[in-house]
Protein backbone atom coordinates (compact mmCIF):
# COMPACT_ATOMS: atom_id res chain seq x y z
CA MET A 1 19.06 42.67 -18.14
CA PRO A 2 16.46 40.97 -20.33
CA ALA A 3 15.41 37.49 -19.35
CA SER A 4 17.18 34.68 -21.15
CA HIS A 5 15.31 31.80 -22.72
CA CYS A 6 16.03 28.11 -23.17
CA CYS A 7 14.14 25.91 -25.60
CA GLU A 8 12.61 22.49 -26.10
CA LYS A 9 15.73 21.30 -27.95
CA CYS A 10 17.99 21.92 -24.98
CA PHE A 11 16.53 18.97 -23.09
CA SER A 12 15.99 15.24 -23.47
CA GLU A 13 13.59 14.89 -20.50
CA PRO A 14 10.01 14.71 -21.91
CA GLU A 15 8.37 16.41 -18.92
CA ILE A 16 10.66 19.42 -19.19
CA ILE A 17 10.13 19.58 -22.94
CA ASN A 18 6.34 19.51 -22.45
CA PHE A 19 6.57 22.27 -19.86
CA ILE A 20 8.38 24.50 -22.36
CA ILE A 21 5.98 23.64 -25.20
CA GLU A 22 2.99 24.48 -23.00
CA ASN A 23 4.48 27.96 -22.59
CA GLU A 24 3.31 28.50 -26.18
CA LYS A 25 6.04 30.99 -27.05
CA ASN A 26 8.20 30.81 -30.14
CA GLY A 27 11.58 32.42 -30.59
CA GLN A 28 15.33 31.89 -30.59
CA CYS A 29 17.11 29.95 -27.85
CA ASP A 30 19.85 31.82 -25.99
CA TYR A 31 21.76 28.61 -25.23
CA CYS A 32 21.65 26.21 -28.19
CA GLU A 33 20.83 29.09 -30.60
CA SER A 34 18.02 27.16 -32.29
CA LYS A 35 15.60 29.40 -34.16
CA ASP A 36 11.81 29.35 -34.39
CA VAL A 37 11.45 26.89 -31.52
CA LYS A 38 9.36 26.75 -28.36
CA ILE A 39 11.11 28.79 -25.68
CA CYS A 40 10.55 29.63 -22.03
CA ASP A 41 12.10 31.93 -19.44
CA VAL A 42 15.04 30.01 -18.02
CA LYS A 43 14.04 30.98 -14.46
CA GLU A 44 10.61 29.38 -14.90
CA VAL A 45 12.20 26.21 -16.27
CA GLY A 46 14.66 26.22 -13.37
CA GLU A 47 11.81 26.41 -10.84
CA PHE A 48 10.07 23.51 -12.61
CA ILE A 49 13.28 21.41 -12.50
CA TRP A 50 13.87 22.24 -8.83
CA GLU A 51 10.34 21.12 -7.89
CA GLY A 52 10.93 17.77 -9.61
CA PHE A 53 14.40 17.41 -8.15
CA GLN A 54 13.01 17.74 -4.62
CA ARG A 55 10.54 14.92 -5.20
CA TYR A 56 13.42 12.44 -5.22
CA TYR A 57 16.47 14.09 -3.62
CA GLU A 58 17.19 15.71 -0.26
CA ASP A 59 20.07 17.51 1.41
CA ALA A 60 22.44 14.88 2.85
CA ALA A 61 22.88 16.99 5.97
CA ASP A 62 19.23 16.31 6.89
CA SER A 63 19.47 12.52 6.94
CA VAL A 64 23.00 11.12 6.51
CA GLY A 65 25.61 10.70 9.22
CA TYR A 66 28.81 12.72 8.91
CA CYS A 67 32.26 11.86 10.23
CA SER A 68 35.22 14.00 9.22
CA ALA A 69 37.66 11.33 10.43
CA GLU A 70 36.17 8.83 7.96
CA GLY A 71 36.08 11.21 5.03
CA GLY A 72 32.75 12.96 5.41
CA TYR A 73 29.25 11.67 4.75
CA GLN A 74 28.67 7.98 5.35
CA LEU A 75 26.79 7.56 2.07
CA PRO A 76 27.72 8.68 -1.47
CA THR A 77 26.51 12.17 -2.33
CA ASP A 78 26.35 14.31 -5.48
CA THR A 79 25.81 17.97 -6.30
CA ILE A 80 22.74 19.03 -8.23
CA THR A 81 24.91 19.66 -11.32
CA ASP A 82 26.28 16.12 -11.30
CA ILE A 83 22.84 14.65 -10.78
CA LEU A 84 21.19 16.62 -13.59
CA THR A 85 23.97 15.91 -16.08
CA ASP A 86 25.24 12.42 -15.17
CA ASP A 87 22.38 10.67 -13.35
CA LEU A 88 19.23 12.18 -14.83
CA MET A 89 20.85 13.25 -18.12
CA ILE A 90 18.17 15.86 -18.76
CA PHE A 91 20.14 17.77 -21.43
CA SER A 92 20.09 16.92 -25.12
CA GLU A 93 23.04 16.54 -27.46
CA THR A 94 22.01 19.82 -29.08
CA LEU A 95 24.00 21.51 -26.33
CA ASP A 96 27.73 20.98 -26.73
CA ASP A 97 28.27 22.19 -23.17
CA PRO A 98 25.29 22.71 -20.81
CA SER A 99 27.38 24.52 -18.18
CA ASP A 100 25.98 28.00 -18.87
CA LEU A 101 22.42 26.70 -18.91
CA ILE A 102 22.92 24.84 -15.61
CA LEU A 103 24.20 28.03 -13.97
CA ALA A 104 21.07 29.84 -15.10
CA LEU A 105 18.69 27.02 -14.11
CA VAL A 106 19.78 26.08 -10.60
CA ASN A 107 21.85 27.34 -7.71
CA ASP A 108 24.71 24.87 -7.29
CA ASP A 109 26.33 25.94 -4.05
CA GLY A 110 28.01 22.57 -3.53
CA THR A 111 25.20 21.13 -1.39
CA PRO A 112 25.53 17.33 -1.25
CA TYR A 113 22.34 15.48 -2.14
CA VAL A 114 21.14 11.91 -1.60
CA ARG A 115 18.03 9.96 -2.48
CA LYS A 116 15.13 10.42 -0.08
CA ASP A 117 15.01 7.81 2.70
CA PRO A 118 18.69 7.03 2.03
CA TYR A 119 18.90 4.31 4.69
CA GLY A 120 15.77 2.56 3.44
CA PRO A 121 15.83 -0.40 1.04
CA PRO A 122 17.29 0.19 -2.44
CA SER A 123 14.87 1.59 -5.00
CA GLY A 124 12.94 -1.24 -6.63
CA ASP A 125 13.81 -3.70 -3.86
CA PRO A 126 11.20 -3.16 -1.14
CA GLU A 127 11.21 -5.24 2.01
CA GLU A 128 7.66 -6.37 1.20
CA ILE A 129 9.01 -8.62 -1.55
CA ASP A 130 10.94 -10.57 1.08
CA ASP A 131 7.84 -10.58 3.29
CA TRP A 132 5.73 -12.07 0.49
CA ASN A 133 8.38 -14.66 -0.40
CA ASN A 134 8.66 -15.62 3.29
CA PHE A 135 4.87 -15.84 3.49
CA CYS A 136 4.81 -18.20 0.50
CA LYS A 137 7.49 -20.40 2.04
CA LEU A 138 5.69 -20.47 5.39
CA VAL A 139 2.27 -21.51 4.10
CA LYS A 140 3.69 -24.06 1.67
CA SER A 141 5.90 -25.92 4.09
CA GLU A 142 5.41 -24.83 7.70
CA GLN A 143 2.00 -23.43 8.64
CA ARG A 144 -1.12 -23.48 6.50
CA PHE A 145 -4.55 -23.76 8.10
CA THR A 146 -3.59 -21.51 11.00
CA ALA A 147 -1.62 -18.99 8.94
CA LEU A 148 -4.21 -16.26 9.55
CA VAL A 149 -4.69 -17.11 13.23
CA LYS A 150 -2.61 -15.44 15.91
CA ILE A 151 -2.19 -18.23 18.44
CA SER A 152 0.46 -16.55 20.53
CA GLU A 153 2.59 -13.47 20.08
CA ASN A 154 5.55 -15.57 21.21
CA GLU A 155 5.00 -18.27 18.62
CA LYS A 156 5.08 -16.20 15.45
CA PRO A 157 7.06 -18.18 12.85
CA LEU A 158 7.97 -14.99 11.02
CA GLU A 159 9.11 -11.57 12.18
CA LYS A 160 5.85 -10.25 10.73
CA HIS A 161 2.76 -12.41 11.21
CA PRO A 162 1.08 -13.45 7.91
CA PHE A 163 -2.18 -11.73 8.84
CA ASP A 164 -0.33 -8.51 9.71
CA PHE A 165 1.60 -8.63 6.44
CA LEU A 166 -1.53 -9.09 4.31
CA ASP A 167 -3.46 -6.54 6.36
CA GLU A 168 -0.77 -3.89 5.87
CA PHE A 169 -0.33 -4.71 2.19
CA VAL A 170 -4.02 -4.43 1.28
CA GLY A 171 -4.91 -1.74 3.82
CA TYR A 172 -2.03 0.58 2.98
CA ASN A 173 -2.54 0.21 -0.78
CA TYR A 174 -6.33 0.20 -0.64
CA TYR A 175 -6.83 3.44 -2.54
CA LEU A 176 -4.59 2.16 -5.37
CA LEU A 177 -6.19 -1.26 -5.69
CA VAL A 178 -9.88 -0.84 -5.00
CA ASP A 179 -12.17 -0.96 -8.03
CA TYR A 180 -15.83 -1.62 -8.70
CA LEU A 181 -17.66 -3.61 -11.34
CA PRO A 182 -20.63 -1.33 -12.11
CA PRO A 183 -24.17 -2.53 -12.85
CA GLY A 184 -24.48 -3.36 -16.53
CA GLU A 185 -20.84 -4.47 -16.90
CA LYS A 186 -20.47 -7.66 -18.95
CA ILE A 187 -18.22 -10.47 -17.73
CA PHE A 188 -17.62 -13.90 -19.21
CA ARG A 189 -16.92 -17.49 -18.23
CA ALA A 190 -15.77 -20.35 -20.50
CA ARG A 191 -15.88 -24.15 -20.50
CA ILE A 192 -14.61 -26.68 -23.02
CA TYR A 193 -17.62 -28.35 -24.61
CA HIS A 194 -18.08 -32.11 -24.43
CA ASP A 195 -20.73 -34.21 -26.18
CA GLY A 196 -23.89 -34.39 -24.09
CA MET A 197 -22.99 -31.35 -22.02
CA MET A 198 -25.99 -29.30 -20.93
CA LEU A 199 -25.74 -25.68 -22.03
CA ASN A 200 -27.67 -23.64 -19.50
CA HIS A 201 -27.18 -21.32 -16.56
CA GLU A 202 -26.61 -24.15 -14.10
CA SER A 203 -23.78 -25.73 -16.12
CA LEU A 204 -22.09 -22.45 -17.10
CA THR A 205 -22.02 -20.61 -13.80
CA SER A 206 -19.80 -21.47 -10.81
CA PRO A 207 -19.72 -25.23 -10.16
CA PRO A 208 -21.33 -26.77 -7.08
CA SER A 209 -18.96 -27.35 -4.17
CA ASP A 210 -18.81 -31.13 -4.62
CA LYS A 211 -17.50 -30.67 -8.17
CA THR A 212 -14.84 -28.03 -7.58
CA LYS A 213 -11.17 -28.84 -8.05
CA ASN A 214 -8.03 -27.28 -6.65
CA ASN A 215 -7.58 -23.90 -8.35
CA ARG A 216 -5.24 -20.94 -8.18
CA MET A 217 -7.49 -18.95 -5.86
CA SER A 218 -9.60 -21.65 -4.16
CA PRO A 219 -9.04 -25.17 -2.79
CA ALA A 220 -11.13 -28.19 -3.75
CA GLY A 221 -14.61 -28.01 -2.27
CA ILE A 222 -14.87 -24.20 -2.27
CA SER A 223 -16.61 -22.79 -5.34
CA PHE A 224 -15.48 -19.50 -6.90
CA PHE A 225 -16.57 -17.80 -10.11
CA TYR A 226 -13.59 -17.85 -12.51
CA GLY A 227 -14.09 -15.65 -15.55
CA GLY A 228 -12.70 -12.75 -17.50
CA MET A 229 -13.44 -9.30 -18.81
CA ASP A 230 -13.85 -10.51 -22.41
CA ALA A 231 -14.52 -13.77 -24.25
CA ASP A 232 -11.01 -14.07 -25.70
CA VAL A 233 -9.21 -14.26 -22.36
CA CYS A 234 -11.71 -16.85 -21.11
CA ILE A 235 -11.06 -19.03 -24.14
CA TYR A 236 -7.31 -18.89 -23.61
CA GLU A 237 -7.59 -19.60 -19.89
CA VAL A 238 -9.37 -22.95 -20.39
CA ARG A 239 -6.38 -23.97 -22.59
CA PRO A 240 -8.22 -25.63 -25.47
CA SER A 241 -6.58 -27.64 -28.22
CA VAL A 242 -7.13 -27.10 -31.94
CA GLY A 243 -10.44 -28.73 -32.84
CA ASP A 244 -12.00 -28.21 -29.41
CA GLU A 245 -15.26 -26.37 -28.98
CA VAL A 246 -15.46 -23.78 -26.22
CA VAL A 247 -18.67 -22.41 -24.74
CA VAL A 248 -18.48 -18.85 -23.42
CA ALA A 249 -21.29 -17.67 -21.16
CA GLU A 250 -22.10 -13.98 -20.75
CA PHE A 251 -23.16 -12.45 -17.44
CA GLU A 252 -24.32 -8.95 -16.58
CA VAL A 253 -23.47 -7.28 -13.28
CA LEU A 254 -26.65 -6.49 -11.33
CA LYS A 255 -25.14 -4.71 -8.33
CA GLU A 256 -21.89 -2.85 -7.77
CA ILE A 257 -19.16 -5.36 -6.91
CA PRO A 258 -16.06 -4.16 -4.97
CA ILE A 259 -12.94 -5.92 -6.20
CA LEU A 260 -9.19 -5.83 -5.68
CA ASN A 261 -7.71 -4.70 -8.98
CA LEU A 262 -4.26 -6.17 -9.68
CA SER A 263 -4.56 -5.52 -13.43
CA ILE A 264 -3.43 -1.89 -13.14
CA ASP A 265 -0.49 -0.75 -15.27
CA LEU A 266 2.62 -1.25 -13.16
CA ASN A 267 5.27 -1.18 -15.87
CA ALA A 268 5.28 2.44 -16.97
CA SER A 269 7.62 4.61 -14.90
CA VAL A 270 6.72 8.16 -13.89
CA SER A 271 9.33 10.90 -14.16
CA ILE A 272 10.26 12.85 -11.03
CA PHE A 273 9.44 15.96 -13.08
CA SER A 274 5.79 14.88 -13.34
CA GLU A 275 3.26 16.19 -10.83
CA ASP A 276 1.94 12.61 -10.63
CA TYR A 277 5.22 11.33 -9.22
CA SER A 278 5.10 9.94 -5.67
CA PHE A 279 8.46 8.86 -4.26
CA TYR A 280 7.31 6.01 -2.03
CA TYR A 281 4.83 4.67 -4.56
CA GLU A 282 7.28 4.67 -7.49
CA GLU A 283 10.32 3.45 -5.55
CA PHE A 284 8.81 0.89 -3.19
CA ILE A 285 5.10 0.21 -3.60
CA LYS A 286 5.01 -0.19 -7.38
CA PRO A 287 7.97 -2.62 -7.52
CA PHE A 288 6.30 -4.80 -4.88
CA LEU A 289 2.92 -4.68 -6.63
CA ARG A 290 4.68 -5.61 -9.88
CA HIS A 291 6.34 -8.59 -8.22
CA PHE A 292 3.16 -9.63 -6.42
CA SER A 293 0.95 -9.34 -9.52
CA LYS A 294 3.41 -11.37 -11.55
CA ASP A 295 3.41 -14.07 -8.89
CA ILE A 296 -0.39 -14.08 -8.73
CA SER A 297 -0.73 -14.31 -12.52
CA LYS A 298 2.03 -16.79 -13.37
CA PRO A 299 0.79 -19.84 -15.29
CA MET A 300 0.56 -23.15 -13.48
CA ARG A 301 2.13 -26.06 -15.32
CA THR A 302 0.69 -29.57 -15.35
CA ASN A 303 3.63 -30.93 -13.36
CA ASP A 304 3.39 -28.23 -10.64
CA SER A 305 2.42 -29.43 -7.18
CA ASP A 306 -0.90 -28.38 -5.71
CA ILE A 307 0.97 -26.60 -2.91
CA GLU A 308 1.94 -23.91 -5.45
CA TYR A 309 -1.67 -22.69 -5.17
CA VAL A 310 -1.59 -22.37 -1.37
CA PRO A 311 -0.28 -18.76 -1.04
CA THR A 312 -2.90 -17.32 -3.40
CA GLN A 313 -5.64 -19.46 -1.83
CA ILE A 314 -4.82 -18.09 1.61
CA PHE A 315 -4.61 -14.57 0.20
CA THR A 316 -8.13 -14.79 -1.26
CA GLU A 317 -9.39 -16.36 1.97
CA PHE A 318 -8.01 -13.32 3.78
CA LEU A 319 -9.80 -10.96 1.38
CA LYS A 320 -13.07 -12.82 1.99
CA ILE A 321 -12.98 -12.43 5.76
CA ARG A 322 -11.44 -8.97 6.14
CA SER A 323 -13.25 -5.65 5.84
CA PHE A 324 -11.40 -2.45 4.99
CA ASN A 325 -12.13 1.19 5.62
CA SER A 326 -12.41 3.28 2.50
CA PHE A 327 -9.82 6.04 2.12
CA GLN A 328 -9.72 9.44 0.55
CA PHE A 329 -6.57 9.97 -1.52
CA LEU A 330 -5.43 13.58 -1.50
CA GLY A 331 -2.26 13.49 -3.56
CA THR A 332 0.50 11.80 -1.57
CA LEU A 333 0.72 8.71 0.59
CA GLU A 334 1.17 10.97 3.61
CA ASP A 335 -2.17 12.66 2.80
CA GLN A 336 -4.14 9.40 2.80
CA LYS A 337 -7.03 9.85 5.25
CA GLU A 338 -9.65 7.47 6.52
CA THR A 339 -13.20 8.58 5.79
CA ASP A 340 -16.47 7.89 7.55
CA GLN A 341 -17.71 5.73 4.72
CA GLU A 342 -18.94 2.21 5.32
CA LYS A 343 -16.33 -0.53 5.48
CA ILE A 344 -15.73 -2.40 2.23
CA LYS A 345 -15.34 -6.13 1.84
CA PHE A 346 -13.81 -7.28 -1.43
CA MET A 347 -15.99 -9.72 -3.36
CA GLY A 348 -13.43 -10.56 -6.02
CA MET A 349 -10.19 -9.76 -7.76
CA LYS A 350 -9.00 -8.80 -11.25
CA PHE A 351 -5.53 -9.86 -12.37
CA ASN A 352 -3.60 -10.01 -15.63
CA SER A 353 -3.72 -13.12 -17.77
CA SER A 354 -0.45 -14.98 -18.23
CA LEU A 355 -1.76 -16.57 -21.44
CA LEU A 356 -3.16 -13.62 -23.41
CA GLU A 357 -1.41 -10.29 -23.68
CA ASP A 358 -3.61 -7.50 -22.24
CA GLY A 359 -6.13 -10.10 -21.08
CA VAL A 360 -7.71 -9.56 -17.65
CA ASN A 361 -8.99 -12.41 -15.50
CA LEU A 362 -11.68 -12.10 -12.86
CA VAL A 363 -12.40 -14.27 -9.83
CA LEU A 364 -15.41 -13.69 -7.58
CA PHE A 365 -15.32 -15.25 -4.12
CA GLN A 366 -18.74 -16.92 -4.26
CA GLY A 367 -20.22 -20.08 -5.66
CA PRO A 368 -23.32 -20.78 -7.79
CA ALA A 369 -25.57 -18.43 -5.79
CA ILE A 370 -23.66 -15.46 -7.22
CA SER A 371 -25.59 -15.63 -10.53
CA THR A 372 -29.19 -16.09 -11.59
CA GLU A 373 -31.52 -16.25 -14.58
CA ASN A 374 -34.06 -14.09 -12.76
CA PRO A 375 -33.39 -10.30 -12.76
CA ALA A 376 -35.59 -9.96 -9.65
CA ASP A 377 -33.37 -12.23 -7.52
CA ASP A 378 -32.09 -9.93 -4.77
CA LYS A 379 -29.41 -12.35 -3.59
CA ALA A 380 -27.52 -12.64 -6.87
CA VAL A 381 -25.08 -10.07 -8.28
CA LEU A 382 -24.83 -11.55 -11.80
CA LEU A 383 -27.51 -12.15 -14.41
CA TYR A 384 -26.98 -14.99 -16.89
CA LYS A 385 -27.51 -13.65 -20.43
CA GLY A 386 -26.76 -16.70 -22.60
CA TYR A 387 -23.78 -18.26 -24.37
CA LYS A 388 -21.86 -18.54 -27.61
CA LYS A 389 -19.97 -21.57 -28.89
CA TYR A 390 -16.54 -21.25 -30.51
CA CYS A 391 -14.58 -23.80 -32.53
CA ILE A 392 -10.81 -23.58 -32.04
CA SER A 393 -9.22 -23.58 -35.51
CA SER A 394 -5.81 -22.20 -34.49
CA LEU A 395 -3.96 -20.95 -31.44
CA LYS A 396 -1.41 -18.17 -31.09
CA VAL A 397 1.72 -18.85 -29.10
CA PHE A 398 3.35 -16.03 -27.13
CA PHE A 399 6.82 -16.42 -25.73
CA LYS A 400 9.72 -14.40 -24.41
CA GLU A 401 13.26 -15.11 -23.34
CA ALA A 402 13.44 -16.52 -19.81
CA ASN A 403 15.31 -14.54 -17.16
């Protein structure tokens, strides 16, 4: 019996459609009867769908309790047919009835399926979100200067000690979040210009400790370099008014700078039918990183208390004092392996701007000594290149409906 073929128009799932298109075969579909379309052997498409299906679902018998007296499995289950048609909705409206195609694609023997890790937290609601919220509450109102110190195992104010929580969060997600500013990269820093203000390296780099104020990532008295990856985001972040003049200094990276990158794209979802899909990353890690990055980046209002800065200040203090082993990522979280490379200490962090869409902020955990006017200065990692002055003639306002 000749092999039957399904086509790109039978499906609504982009990854399946792309798989069929990449087959590079034209013909008539045996199921929706479309002509001169991209087609593929239905068995090959079925194998592709089964591989994706297994990235998210597992046999309930392997993980879910069963009690015949209480009606069977202790969690809701579905057959592969129900999941493909009702949950994933992979078939297009071109098919009036996908029953024949389903029979050809997969073997539905009535096996009950559940989501992987069925007794874990709901998808998109990882326990780490509660851990971070508890951490914020703790350091704001209960324990601050000793939050990273383990005084006694019996005196832990939380089920998970703050240091352990941060250590697991950064260490476990290291391979996702580590990034490097390469030599030659340009970064920027802005200040609102005032009459009589000196415009030179000293006035445009990180301020001296005795002139630092309470900031999102650093308390008063500790100098950090606050900048951005382009001039526009720096201008927005100093919040000028129309008519103000803003000075933007340019710096060039002299040495490779390891940073924690929280500006990665966390909004786009990855289909289970993509080879790039990782169950634990998509279902648990990404939702937490999304929540954490949003919390890190949220704008501070003039009437907000200084204690709102405390969680991020302690987080950056932790990054300054902790070294991490580099990891080799081999495809899945389970394949993550520690290498023999030298330990890495983060020198800064990138995070999304809350004031400019697609803007990326940068903070480096060092004061004025981080930059220089002399390219031969071995201690500095930034070279001051000069400045430009901008006059604010208008400002764009971005807004969205509040949740």
